[in-house]
Amino acid sequence: MITAIVLIKTSVDRIPEIAERIAALDSVSEVFSVTGTYDLIAMVRVRQHEDLAEIIPGRISKIPGVEGTDTHVAFRTYSQHDLEAAFAIGLES
């Protein structure tokens, strides 16, 4: 499995709509709204490198309101921590 971390610049007034459209794509496991230079981060998981071309420039970049992407392909995973639990820290009631 190949993991790509896709940093996405969007039209700021359309972030929720764009995030939902990206999250609905096959191969996208999570989409995070973030602070900083980029507006969204998408985690893309595919079986082959060729599949990245289909999903990132072929689908994500063509969503109206997506202004640009910066993709980082993971070489190796060093941790198997549950990402959902890590991002939920401090959200307990």
PDB file of N, CA and C in Angstrom:
ATOM      1  N   MET A   1       0.851  -1.180   0.000  1.00  0.00           N
ATOM      2  CA  MET A   1       0.000   0.000   0.000  1.00  0.00           C
ATOM      3  C   MET A   1       0.894   1.239   0.000  1.00  0.00           C
ATOM      4  N   ILE A   2       0.594   2.181  -0.861  1.00  0.00           N
ATOM      5  CA  ILE A   2       1.334   3.437  -0.972  1.00  0.00           C
ATOM      6  C   ILE A   2       0.495   4.535  -0.332  1.00  0.00           C
ATOM      7  N   THR A   3       1.135   5.317   0.537  1.00  0.00           N
ATOM      8  CA  THR A   3       0.450   6.421   1.203  1.00  0.00           C
ATOM      9  C   THR A   3       1.022   7.735   0.699  1.00  0.00           C
ATOM     10  N   ALA A   4       0.123   8.642   0.325  1.00  0.00           N
ATOM     11  CA  ALA A   4       0.525   9.992  -0.072  1.00  0.00           C
ATOM     12  C   ALA A   4      -0.191  10.986   0.827  1.00  0.00           C
ATOM     13  N   ILE A   5       0.561  11.971   1.276  1.00  0.00           N
ATOM     14  CA  ILE A   5       0.006  13.056   2.065  1.00  0.00           C
ATOM     15  C   ILE A   5      -0.134  14.229   1.104  1.00  0.00           C
ATOM     16  N   VAL A   6      -1.369  14.677   0.879  1.00  0.00           N
ATOM     17  CA  VAL A   6      -1.622  15.716  -0.117  1.00  0.00           C
ATOM     18  C   VAL A   6      -2.036  16.997   0.600  1.00  0.00           C
ATOM     19  N   LEU A   7      -1.199  18.025   0.478  1.00  0.00           N
ATOM     20  CA  LEU A   7      -1.481  19.344   1.045  1.00  0.00           C
ATOM     21  C   LEU A   7      -2.244  20.126  -0.018  1.00  0.00           C
ATOM     22  N   ILE A   8      -3.375  20.706   0.360  1.00  0.00           N
ATOM     23  CA  ILE A   8      -4.283  21.288  -0.626  1.00  0.00           C
ATOM     24  C   ILE A   8      -4.626  22.733  -0.288  1.00  0.00           C
ATOM     25  N   LYS A   9      -4.447  23.628  -1.271  1.00  0.00           N
ATOM     26  CA  LYS A   9      -4.895  25.020  -1.156  1.00  0.00           C
ATOM     27  C   LYS A   9      -6.256  25.103  -1.825  1.00  0.00           C
ATOM     28  N   THR A  10      -7.187  25.802  -1.179  1.00  0.00           N
ATOM     29  CA  THR A  10      -8.543  25.905  -1.710  1.00  0.00           C
ATOM     30  C   THR A  10      -9.061  27.332  -1.613  1.00  0.00           C
ATOM     31  N   SER A  11     -10.215  27.542  -2.202  1.00  0.00           N
ATOM     32  CA  SER A  11     -10.964  28.777  -1.969  1.00  0.00           C
ATOM     33  C   SER A  11     -11.446  28.700  -0.522  1.00  0.00           C
ATOM     34  N   VAL A  12     -11.034  29.633   0.314  1.00  0.00           N
ATOM     35  CA  VAL A  12     -11.300  29.568   1.748  1.00  0.00           C
ATOM     36  C   VAL A  12     -12.790  29.475   2.063  1.00  0.00           C
ATOM     37  N   ASP A  13     -13.619  30.152   1.308  1.00  0.00           N
ATOM     38  CA  ASP A  13     -15.051  30.143   1.587  1.00  0.00           C
ATOM     39  C   ASP A  13     -15.731  28.827   1.201  1.00  0.00           C
ATOM     40  N   ARG A  14     -14.976  27.912   0.582  1.00  0.00           N
ATOM     41  CA  ARG A  14     -15.559  26.642   0.144  1.00  0.00           C
ATOM     42  C   ARG A  14     -14.907  25.428   0.805  1.00  0.00           C
ATOM     43  N   ILE A  15     -14.113  25.646   1.851  1.00  0.00           N
ATOM     44  CA  ILE A  15     -13.374  24.548   2.481  1.00  0.00           C
ATOM     45  C   ILE A  15     -14.269  23.366   2.857  1.00  0.00           C
ATOM     46  N   PRO A  16     -15.378  23.550   3.579  1.00  0.00           N
ATOM     47  CA  PRO A  16     -16.187  22.378   3.960  1.00  0.00           C
ATOM     48  C   PRO A  16     -16.701  21.581   2.761  1.00  0.00           C
ATOM     49  N   GLU A  17     -17.187  22.286   1.759  1.00  0.00           N
ATOM     50  CA  GLU A  17     -17.714  21.631   0.557  1.00  0.00           C
ATOM     51  C   GLU A  17     -16.615  20.848  -0.173  1.00  0.00           C
ATOM     52  N   ILE A  18     -15.461  21.465  -0.333  1.00  0.00           N
ATOM     53  CA  ILE A  18     -14.339  20.826  -1.028  1.00  0.00           C
ATOM     54  C   ILE A  18     -13.839  19.628  -0.228  1.00  0.00           C
ATOM     55  N   ALA A  19     -13.726  19.782   1.083  1.00  0.00           N
ATOM     56  CA  ALA A  19     -13.267  18.681   1.943  1.00  0.00           C
ATOM     57  C   ALA A  19     -14.198  17.479   1.818  1.00  0.00           C
ATOM     58  N   GLU A  20     -15.490  17.700   1.798  1.00  0.00           N
ATOM     59  CA  GLU A  20     -16.452  16.603   1.674  1.00  0.00           C
ATOM     60  C   GLU A  20     -16.334  15.913   0.328  1.00  0.00           C
ATOM     61  N   ARG A  21     -16.129  16.674  -0.731  1.00  0.00           N
ATOM     62  CA  ARG A  21     -15.971  16.074  -2.061  1.00  0.00           C
ATOM     63  C   ARG A  21     -14.701  15.242  -2.138  1.00  0.00           C
ATOM     64  N   ILE A  22     -13.618  15.732  -1.535  1.00  0.00           N
ATOM     65  CA  ILE A  22     -12.368  14.973  -1.543  1.00  0.00           C
ATOM     66  C   ILE A  22     -12.523  13.714  -0.704  1.00  0.00           C
ATOM     67  N   ALA A  23     -13.131  13.830   0.461  1.00  0.00           N
ATOM     68  CA  ALA A  23     -13.311  12.683   1.356  1.00  0.00           C
ATOM     69  C   ALA A  23     -14.147  11.582   0.712  1.00  0.00           C
ATOM     70  N   ALA A  24     -15.017  11.938  -0.205  1.00  0.00           N
ATOM     71  CA  ALA A  24     -15.877  10.952  -0.861  1.00  0.00           C
ATOM     72  C   ALA A  24     -15.159  10.164  -1.962  1.00  0.00           C
ATOM     73  N   LEU A  25     -13.963  10.593  -2.344  1.00  0.00           N
ATOM     74  CA  LEU A  25     -13.228   9.906  -3.405  1.00  0.00           C
ATOM     75  C   LEU A  25     -12.664   8.578  -2.919  1.00  0.00           C
ATOM     76  N   ASP A  26     -12.701   7.578  -3.804  1.00  0.00           N
ATOM     77  CA  ASP A  26     -12.046   6.313  -3.498  1.00  0.00           C
ATOM     78  C   ASP A  26     -10.560   6.596  -3.284  1.00  0.00           C
ATOM     79  N   SER A  27      -9.939   5.878  -2.406  1.00  0.00           N
ATOM     80  CA  SER A  27      -8.509   5.982  -2.075  1.00  0.00           C
ATOM     81  C   SER A  27      -8.192   7.098  -1.090  1.00  0.00           C
ATOM     82  N   VAL A  28      -9.141   7.970  -0.776  1.00  0.00           N
ATOM     83  CA  VAL A  28      -8.910   9.010   0.227  1.00  0.00           C
ATOM     84  C   VAL A  28      -9.453   8.483   1.546  1.00  0.00           C
ATOM     85  N   SER A  29      -8.546   8.323   2.526  1.00  0.00           N
ATOM     86  CA  SER A  29      -8.972   7.751   3.806  1.00  0.00           C
ATOM     87  C   SER A  29      -9.366   8.819   4.825  1.00  0.00           C
ATOM     88  N   GLU A  30      -8.731   9.987   4.797  1.00  0.00           N
ATOM     89  CA  GLU A  30      -9.045  11.078   5.712  1.00  0.00           C
ATOM     90  C   GLU A  30      -8.786  12.405   5.019  1.00  0.00           C
ATOM     91  N   VAL A  31      -9.524  13.414   5.461  1.00  0.00           N
ATOM     92  CA  VAL A  31      -9.271  14.795   5.045  1.00  0.00           C
ATOM     93  C   VAL A  31      -9.328  15.648   6.300  1.00  0.00           C
ATOM     94  N   PHE A  32      -8.305  16.460   6.499  1.00  0.00           N
ATOM     95  CA  PHE A  32      -8.218  17.317   7.676  1.00  0.00           C
ATOM     96  C   PHE A  32      -8.235  18.777   7.247  1.00  0.00           C
ATOM     97  N   SER A  33      -9.014  19.598   7.914  1.00  0.00           N
ATOM     98  CA  SER A  33      -8.961  21.041   7.755  1.00  0.00           C
ATOM     99  C   SER A  33      -7.881  21.516   8.717  1.00  0.00           C
ATOM    100  N   VAL A  34      -6.926  22.314   8.228  1.00  0.00           N
ATOM    101  CA  VAL A  34      -5.766  22.676   9.042  1.00  0.00           C
ATOM    102  C   VAL A  34      -5.465  24.169   8.956  1.00  0.00           C
ATOM    103  N   THR A  35      -4.640  24.629   9.891  1.00  0.00           N
ATOM    104  CA  THR A  35      -4.146  26.002   9.850  1.00  0.00           C
ATOM    105  C   THR A  35      -2.831  26.015   9.089  1.00  0.00           C
ATOM    106  N   GLY A  36      -2.404  27.178   8.682  1.00  0.00           N
ATOM    107  CA  GLY A  36      -1.108  27.299   8.026  1.00  0.00           C
ATOM    108  C   GLY A  36      -1.234  27.624   6.553  1.00  0.00           C
ATOM    109  N   THR A  37      -0.201  27.295   5.814  1.00  0.00           N
ATOM    110  CA  THR A  37      -0.115  27.614   4.390  1.00  0.00           C
ATOM    111  C   THR A  37      -1.186  26.913   3.565  1.00  0.00           C
ATOM    112  N   TYR A  38      -1.543  25.707   3.957  1.00  0.00           N
ATOM    113  CA  TYR A  38      -2.541  24.923   3.227  1.00  0.00           C
ATOM    114  C   TYR A  38      -3.849  24.898   4.008  1.00  0.00           C
ATOM    115  N   ASP A  39      -4.934  24.604   3.308  1.00  0.00           N
ATOM    116  CA  ASP A  39      -6.260  24.594   3.925  1.00  0.00           C
ATOM    117  C   ASP A  39      -6.712  23.193   4.327  1.00  0.00           C
ATOM    118  N   LEU A  40      -6.307  22.200   3.540  1.00  0.00           N
ATOM    119  CA  LEU A  40      -6.706  20.815   3.778  1.00  0.00           C
ATOM    120  C   LEU A  40      -5.509  19.891   3.616  1.00  0.00           C
ATOM    121  N   ILE A  41      -5.550  18.768   4.324  1.00  0.00           N
ATOM    122  CA  ILE A  41      -4.584  17.689   4.120  1.00  0.00           C
ATOM    123  C   ILE A  41      -5.395  16.424   3.896  1.00  0.00           C
ATOM    124  N   ALA A  42      -5.100  15.734   2.791  1.00  0.00           N
ATOM    125  CA  ALA A  42      -5.782  14.474   2.485  1.00  0.00           C
ATOM    126  C   ALA A  42      -4.781  13.326   2.552  1.00  0.00           C
ATOM    127  N   MET A  43      -5.196  12.239   3.155  1.00  0.00           N
ATOM    128  CA  MET A  43      -4.398  11.024   3.185  1.00  0.00           C
ATOM    129  C   MET A  43      -4.927  10.126   2.068  1.00  0.00           C
ATOM    130  N   VAL A  44      -4.060   9.817   1.121  1.00  0.00           N
ATOM    131  CA  VAL A  44      -4.444   8.998  -0.031  1.00  0.00           C
ATOM    132  C   VAL A  44      -3.677   7.681   0.050  1.00  0.00           C
ATOM    133  N   ARG A  45      -4.398   6.579  -0.082  1.00  0.00           N
ATOM    134  CA  ARG A  45      -3.774   5.254  -0.029  1.00  0.00           C
ATOM    135  C   ARG A  45      -4.167   4.480  -1.277  1.00  0.00           C
ATOM    136  N   VAL A  46      -3.144   4.057  -2.032  1.00  0.00           N
ATOM    137  CA  VAL A  46      -3.363   3.337  -3.291  1.00  0.00           C
ATOM    138  C   VAL A  46      -2.447   2.117  -3.356  1.00  0.00           C
ATOM    139  N   ARG A  47      -2.735   1.240  -4.287  1.00  0.00           N
ATOM    140  CA  ARG A  47      -1.926   0.023  -4.450  1.00  0.00           C
ATOM    141  C   ARG A  47      -0.688   0.248  -5.318  1.00  0.00           C
ATOM    142  N   GLN A  48      -0.782   1.115  -6.308  1.00  0.00           N
ATOM    143  CA  GLN A  48       0.321   1.332  -7.239  1.00  0.00           C
ATOM    144  C   GLN A  48       0.569   2.831  -7.425  1.00  0.00           C
ATOM    145  N   HIS A  49       1.829   3.185  -7.744  1.00  0.00           N
ATOM    146  CA  HIS A  49       2.165   4.588  -7.964  1.00  0.00           C
ATOM    147  C   HIS A  49       1.328   5.200  -9.079  1.00  0.00           C
ATOM    148  N   GLU A  50       1.012   4.429 -10.112  1.00  0.00           N
ATOM    149  CA  GLU A  50       0.222   4.938 -11.225  1.00  0.00           C
ATOM    150  C   GLU A  50      -1.150   5.424 -10.756  1.00  0.00           C
ATOM    151  N   ASP A  51      -1.668   4.809  -9.688  1.00  0.00           N
ATOM    152  CA  ASP A  51      -2.974   5.208  -9.154  1.00  0.00           C
ATOM    153  C   ASP A  51      -2.950   6.620  -8.573  1.00  0.00           C
ATOM    154  N   LEU A  52      -1.764   7.081  -8.146  1.00  0.00           N
ATOM    155  CA  LEU A  52      -1.659   8.444  -7.616  1.00  0.00           C
ATOM    156  C   LEU A  52      -1.999   9.469  -8.693  1.00  0.00           C
ATOM    157  N   ALA A  53      -1.582   9.208  -9.928  1.00  0.00           N
ATOM    158  CA  ALA A  53      -1.872  10.135 -11.028  1.00  0.00           C
ATOM    159  C   ALA A  53      -3.366  10.210 -11.294  1.00  0.00           C
ATOM    160  N   GLU A  54      -4.053   9.117 -11.115  1.00  0.00           N
ATOM    161  CA  GLU A  54      -5.504   9.117 -11.336  1.00  0.00           C
ATOM    162  C   GLU A  54      -6.234   9.910 -10.256  1.00  0.00           C
ATOM    163  N   ILE A  55      -5.816   9.741  -9.013  1.00  0.00           N
ATOM    164  CA  ILE A  55      -6.559  10.351  -7.904  1.00  0.00           C
ATOM    165  C   ILE A  55      -6.153  11.806  -7.634  1.00  0.00           C
ATOM    166  N   ILE A  56      -4.873  12.128  -7.711  1.00  0.00           N
ATOM    167  CA  ILE A  56      -4.450  13.489  -7.318  1.00  0.00           C
ATOM    168  C   ILE A  56      -4.648  14.487  -8.463  1.00  0.00           C
ATOM    169  N   PRO A  57      -3.862  14.434  -9.541  1.00  0.00           N
ATOM    170  CA  PRO A  57      -4.149  15.407 -10.605  1.00  0.00           C
ATOM    171  C   PRO A  57      -5.427  15.088 -11.374  1.00  0.00           C
ATOM    172  N   GLY A  58      -5.801  13.809 -11.410  1.00  0.00           N
ATOM    173  CA  GLY A  58      -6.964  13.403 -12.177  1.00  0.00           C
ATOM    174  C   GLY A  58      -8.302  13.683 -11.520  1.00  0.00           C
ATOM    175  N   ARG A  59      -8.340  13.716 -10.193  1.00  0.00           N
ATOM    176  CA  ARG A  59      -9.627  13.912  -9.511  1.00  0.00           C
ATOM    177  C   ARG A  59      -9.579  15.060  -8.502  1.00  0.00           C
ATOM    178  N   ILE A  60      -8.633  15.018  -7.541  1.00  0.00           N
ATOM    179  CA  ILE A  60      -8.589  16.063  -6.504  1.00  0.00           C
ATOM    180  C   ILE A  60      -8.380  17.444  -7.128  1.00  0.00           C
ATOM    181  N   SER A  61      -7.395  17.560  -7.998  1.00  0.00           N
ATOM    182  CA  SER A  61      -7.068  18.866  -8.577  1.00  0.00           C
ATOM    183  C   SER A  61      -8.163  19.429  -9.466  1.00  0.00           C
ATOM    184  N   LYS A  62      -9.066  18.571  -9.932  1.00  0.00           N
ATOM    185  CA  LYS A  62     -10.138  19.021 -10.820  1.00  0.00           C
ATOM    186  C   LYS A  62     -11.413  19.430 -10.080  1.00  0.00           C
ATOM    187  N   ILE A  63     -11.422  19.280  -8.755  1.00  0.00           N
ATOM    188  CA  ILE A  63     -12.583  19.713  -7.979  1.00  0.00           C
ATOM    189  C   ILE A  63     -12.624  21.240  -7.978  1.00  0.00           C
ATOM    190  N   PRO A  64     -13.760  21.834  -8.359  1.00  0.00           N
ATOM    191  CA  PRO A  64     -13.851  23.302  -8.355  1.00  0.00           C
ATOM    192  C   PRO A  64     -13.518  23.877  -6.977  1.00  0.00           C
ATOM    193  N   GLY A  65     -12.639  24.861  -6.970  1.00  0.00           N
ATOM    194  CA  GLY A  65     -12.219  25.482  -5.718  1.00  0.00           C
ATOM    195  C   GLY A  65     -10.858  25.016  -5.242  1.00  0.00           C
ATOM    196  N   VAL A  66     -10.353  23.899  -5.782  1.00  0.00           N
ATOM    197  CA  VAL A  66      -8.998  23.449  -5.445  1.00  0.00           C
ATOM    198  C   VAL A  66      -8.043  24.308  -6.262  1.00  0.00           C
ATOM    199  N   GLU A  67      -7.164  25.022  -5.566  1.00  0.00           N
ATOM    200  CA  GLU A  67      -6.251  25.954  -6.227  1.00  0.00           C
ATOM    201  C   GLU A  67      -4.863  25.374  -6.459  1.00  0.00           C
ATOM    202  N   GLY A  68      -4.510  24.330  -5.707  1.00  0.00           N
ATOM    203  CA  GLY A  68      -3.205  23.712  -5.885  1.00  0.00           C
ATOM    204  C   GLY A  68      -2.980  22.613  -4.872  1.00  0.00           C
ATOM    205  N   THR A  69      -2.047  21.723  -5.189  1.00  0.00           N
ATOM    206  CA  THR A  69      -1.702  20.626  -4.282  1.00  0.00           C
ATOM    207  C   THR A  69      -0.188  20.488  -4.190  1.00  0.00           C
ATOM    208  N   ASP A  70       0.247  19.901  -3.102  1.00  0.00           N
ATOM    209  CA  ASP A  70       1.657  19.569  -2.874  1.00  0.00           C
ATOM    210  C   ASP A  70       1.643  18.168  -2.279  1.00  0.00           C
ATOM    211  N   THR A  71       2.177  17.199  -3.013  1.00  0.00           N
ATOM    212  CA  THR A  71       2.057  15.798  -2.614  1.00  0.00           C
ATOM    213  C   THR A  71       3.372  15.254  -2.078  1.00  0.00           C
ATOM    214  N   HIS A  72       3.272  14.531  -0.961  1.00  0.00           N
ATOM    215  CA  HIS A  72       4.421  13.875  -0.342  1.00  0.00           C
ATOM    216  C   HIS A  72       4.116  12.384  -0.249  1.00  0.00           C
ATOM    217  N   VAL A  73       4.971  11.565  -0.867  1.00  0.00           N
ATOM    218  CA  VAL A  73       4.774  10.114  -0.833  1.00  0.00           C
ATOM    219  C   VAL A  73       5.586   9.550   0.323  1.00  0.00           C
ATOM    220  N   ALA A  74       4.929   8.755   1.152  1.00  0.00           N
ATOM    221  CA  ALA A  74       5.601   8.150   2.307  1.00  0.00           C
ATOM    222  C   ALA A  74       6.452   6.971   1.841  1.00  0.00           C
ATOM    223  N   PHE A  75       7.696   6.917   2.307  1.00  0.00           N
ATOM    224  CA  PHE A  75       8.584   5.804   1.992  1.00  0.00           C
ATOM    225  C   PHE A  75       8.373   4.638   2.940  1.00  0.00           C
ATOM    226  N   ARG A  76       8.227   4.971   4.213  1.00  0.00           N
ATOM    227  CA  ARG A  76       8.186   3.938   5.248  1.00  0.00           C
ATOM    228  C   ARG A  76       7.343   4.436   6.406  1.00  0.00           C
ATOM    229  N   THR A  77       6.638   3.518   7.056  1.00  0.00           N
ATOM    230  CA  THR A  77       5.853   3.847   8.244  1.00  0.00           C
ATOM    231  C   THR A  77       6.612   3.363   9.463  1.00  0.00           C
ATOM    232  N   TYR A  78       6.779   4.236  10.442  1.00  0.00           N
ATOM    233  CA  TYR A  78       7.501   3.883  11.656  1.00  0.00           C
ATOM    234  C   TYR A  78       6.587   3.673  12.845  1.00  0.00           C
ATOM    235  N   SER A  79       5.310   4.011  12.699  1.00  0.00           N
ATOM    236  CA  SER A  79       4.391   3.888  13.815  1.00  0.00           C
ATOM    237  C   SER A  79       3.062   3.352  13.320  1.00  0.00           C
ATOM    238  N   GLN A  80       2.431   2.534  14.131  1.00  0.00           N
ATOM    239  CA  GLN A  80       1.121   1.999  13.785  1.00  0.00           C
ATOM    240  C   GLN A  80       0.042   2.575  14.701  1.00  0.00           C
ATOM    241  N   HIS A  81       0.312   3.725  15.335  1.00  0.00           N
ATOM    242  CA  HIS A  81      -0.670   4.335  16.227  1.00  0.00           C
ATOM    243  C   HIS A  81      -1.963   4.638  15.489  1.00  0.00           C
ATOM    244  N   ASP A  82      -3.030   4.600  16.204  1.00  0.00           N
ATOM    245  CA  ASP A  82      -4.341   4.918  15.665  1.00  0.00           C
ATOM    246  C   ASP A  82      -4.443   6.431  15.482  1.00  0.00           C
ATOM    247  N   LEU A  83      -4.445   6.897  14.222  1.00  0.00           N
ATOM    248  CA  LEU A  83      -4.482   8.332  13.951  1.00  0.00           C
ATOM    249  C   LEU A  83      -5.732   8.997  14.501  1.00  0.00           C
ATOM    250  N   GLU A  84      -6.853   8.323  14.425  1.00  0.00           N
ATOM    251  CA  GLU A  84      -8.093   8.919  14.917  1.00  0.00           C
ATOM    252  C   GLU A  84      -7.980   9.198  16.411  1.00  0.00           C
ATOM    253  N   ALA A  85      -7.422   8.270  17.157  1.00  0.00           N
ATOM    254  CA  ALA A  85      -7.265   8.469  18.608  1.00  0.00           C
ATOM    255  C   ALA A  85      -6.283   9.620  18.885  1.00  0.00           C
ATOM    256  N   ALA A  86      -5.223   9.704  18.085  1.00  0.00           N
ATOM    257  CA  ALA A  86      -4.228  10.755  18.292  1.00  0.00           C
ATOM    258  C   ALA A  86      -4.830  12.134  18.075  1.00  0.00           C
ATOM    259  N   PHE A  87      -5.670  12.287  17.048  1.00  0.00           N
ATOM    260  CA  PHE A  87      -6.261  13.574  16.749  1.00  0.00           C
ATOM    261  C   PHE A  87      -7.431  13.900  17.662  1.00  0.00           C
ATOM    262  N   ALA A  88      -7.931  12.919  18.417  1.00  0.00           N
ATOM    263  CA  ALA A  88      -9.074  13.127  19.307  1.00  0.00           C
ATOM    264  C   ALA A  88      -8.644  13.483  20.729  1.00  0.00           C
ATOM    265  N   ILE A  89      -7.338  13.562  20.981  1.00  0.00           N
ATOM    266  CA  ILE A  89      -6.838  13.883  22.318  1.00  0.00           C
ATOM    267  C   ILE A  89      -7.418  15.229  22.758  1.00  0.00           C
ATOM    268  N   GLY A  90      -7.965  15.241  23.958  1.00  0.00           N
ATOM    269  CA  GLY A  90      -8.524  16.465  24.529  1.00  0.00           C
ATOM    270  C   GLY A  90      -9.965  16.728  24.148  1.00  0.00           C
ATOM    271  N   LEU A  91     -10.550  15.855  23.343  1.00  0.00           N
ATOM    272  CA  LEU A  91     -11.927  16.073  22.925  1.00  0.00           C
ATOM    273  C   LEU A  91     -12.951  15.330  23.801  1.00  0.00           C
ATOM    274  N   GLU A  92     -12.458  14.610  24.813  1.00  0.00           N
ATOM    275  CA  GLU A  92     -13.372  13.882  25.685  1.00  0.00           C
ATOM    276  C   GLU A  92     -14.201  14.864  26.507  1.00  0.00           C
ATOM    277  N   SER A  93     -15.457  14.515  26.751  1.00  0.00           N
ATOM    278  CA  SER A  93     -16.330  15.402  27.527  1.00  0.00           C
ATOM    279  C   SER A  93     -16.203  15.108  28.997  1.00  0.00           C
TER     280      SER A  93
END
